[in-house]
């Protein structure tokens, strides 16, 4: 059984033009990612909290990175524990 949504959490999606590129970002106000885990979030099969009972194979962000890089772009993450995370994809404009 999955976790129930908490009303105090929010997510925001934004897109903006950069010189020669487009940035698409997803930002949330969730639990955040510990600093020691940030360098591993894009590794295949890595899951941040092994005690979680939710589904998933740990491939989503690894696949996202490969797709974005194949398109000539970049994907990044910023996070503050207990405050939230921001994932951003920057793709070059044709």
Protein backbone atom coordinates (compact mmCIF):
# COMPACT_ATOMS: atom_id res chain seq x y z
CA UNK A 1 0.00 0.00 0.00
CA UNK A 2 1.41 3.42 -1.01
CA UNK A 3 1.88 6.43 1.17
CA UNK A 4 -1.06 8.78 1.53
CA UNK A 5 -0.60 12.31 0.14
CA UNK A 6 0.09 14.98 2.74
CA UNK A 7 -1.77 18.27 2.32
CA UNK A 8 1.30 20.30 3.37
CA UNK A 9 3.35 19.05 0.39
CA UNK A 10 3.29 20.89 -2.88
CA UNK A 11 4.84 20.38 -6.30
CA UNK A 12 5.47 22.99 -8.97
CA UNK A 13 6.40 22.52 -12.60
CA UNK A 14 7.93 25.39 -14.52
CA UNK A 15 9.44 25.92 -17.95
CA UNK A 16 11.57 28.84 -19.05
CA UNK A 17 13.62 29.86 -22.03
CA UNK A 18 17.34 30.19 -21.59
CA UNK A 19 19.80 31.45 -24.21
CA UNK A 20 19.81 28.59 -26.72
CA UNK A 21 18.00 26.18 -24.40
CA UNK A 22 14.78 25.30 -22.61
CA UNK A 23 14.67 24.44 -18.91
CA UNK A 24 11.89 22.33 -17.42
CA UNK A 25 11.94 21.97 -13.64
CA UNK A 26 9.93 20.12 -11.02
CA UNK A 27 10.17 21.43 -7.47
CA UNK A 28 8.49 19.99 -4.38
CA UNK A 29 8.17 20.76 -0.69
CA UNK A 30 8.66 17.15 0.39
CA UNK A 31 11.18 15.55 2.71
CA UNK A 32 14.18 16.35 0.51
CA UNK A 33 17.25 14.24 -0.18
CA UNK A 34 20.18 13.97 2.25
CA UNK A 35 23.37 15.64 0.94
CA UNK A 36 25.29 12.35 1.00
CA UNK A 37 22.69 10.79 -1.34
CA UNK A 38 22.59 13.57 -3.98
CA UNK A 39 25.55 12.18 -5.90
CA UNK A 40 23.84 8.80 -6.27
CA UNK A 41 20.25 9.62 -7.26
CA UNK A 42 20.95 9.07 -10.98
CA UNK A 43 22.69 5.69 -10.47
CA UNK A 44 20.82 2.68 -11.89
CA UNK A 45 19.09 0.55 -9.22
CA UNK A 46 20.00 2.89 -6.38
CA UNK A 47 17.19 3.57 -3.94
CA UNK A 48 17.64 6.21 -1.30
CA UNK A 49 15.84 4.51 1.55
CA UNK A 50 15.95 0.70 1.53
CA UNK A 51 13.37 0.56 4.34
CA UNK A 52 10.62 1.95 2.11
CA UNK A 53 8.07 -0.61 1.05
CA UNK A 54 6.95 1.15 -2.12
CA UNK A 55 7.47 -0.21 -5.59
CA UNK A 56 10.08 0.84 -8.06
CA UNK A 57 13.32 -0.56 -9.33
CA UNK A 58 15.52 2.50 -9.00
CA UNK A 59 15.73 3.01 -12.77
CA UNK A 60 13.56 6.08 -13.35
CA UNK A 61 16.13 8.83 -12.78
CA UNK A 62 18.91 6.81 -14.42
CA UNK A 63 16.79 6.44 -17.56
CA UNK A 64 15.80 10.10 -17.43
CA UNK A 65 19.47 11.10 -17.35
CA UNK A 66 20.33 8.87 -20.32
CA UNK A 67 17.45 10.22 -22.40
CA UNK A 68 18.23 13.85 -21.58
CA UNK A 69 21.94 13.40 -22.32
CA UNK A 70 21.13 11.60 -25.61
CA UNK A 71 19.21 14.75 -26.59
CA UNK A 72 22.26 16.89 -25.80
CA UNK A 73 20.91 18.19 -22.52
CA UNK A 74 21.59 18.00 -18.82
CA UNK A 75 19.59 17.00 -15.74
CA UNK A 76 20.38 18.24 -12.25
CA UNK A 77 19.04 17.95 -8.72
CA UNK A 78 19.16 20.33 -5.78
CA UNK A 79 17.71 19.41 -2.42
CA UNK A 80 17.49 20.52 1.19
CA UNK A 81 16.40 17.91 3.75
CA UNK A 82 12.99 18.67 5.28
CA UNK A 83 12.39 21.44 2.70
CA UNK A 84 12.19 19.77 -0.71
CA UNK A 85 13.92 19.05 -3.99
CA UNK A 86 14.25 20.56 -7.45
CA UNK A 87 15.00 18.51 -10.55
CA UNK A 88 15.78 20.49 -13.70
CA UNK A 89 16.20 19.37 -17.29
CA UNK A 90 17.94 21.71 -19.73
CA UNK A 91 17.59 20.87 -23.43
CA UNK A 92 19.21 22.75 -26.29
CA UNK A 93 16.82 24.50 -28.66
CA UNK A 94 17.05 23.41 -32.28
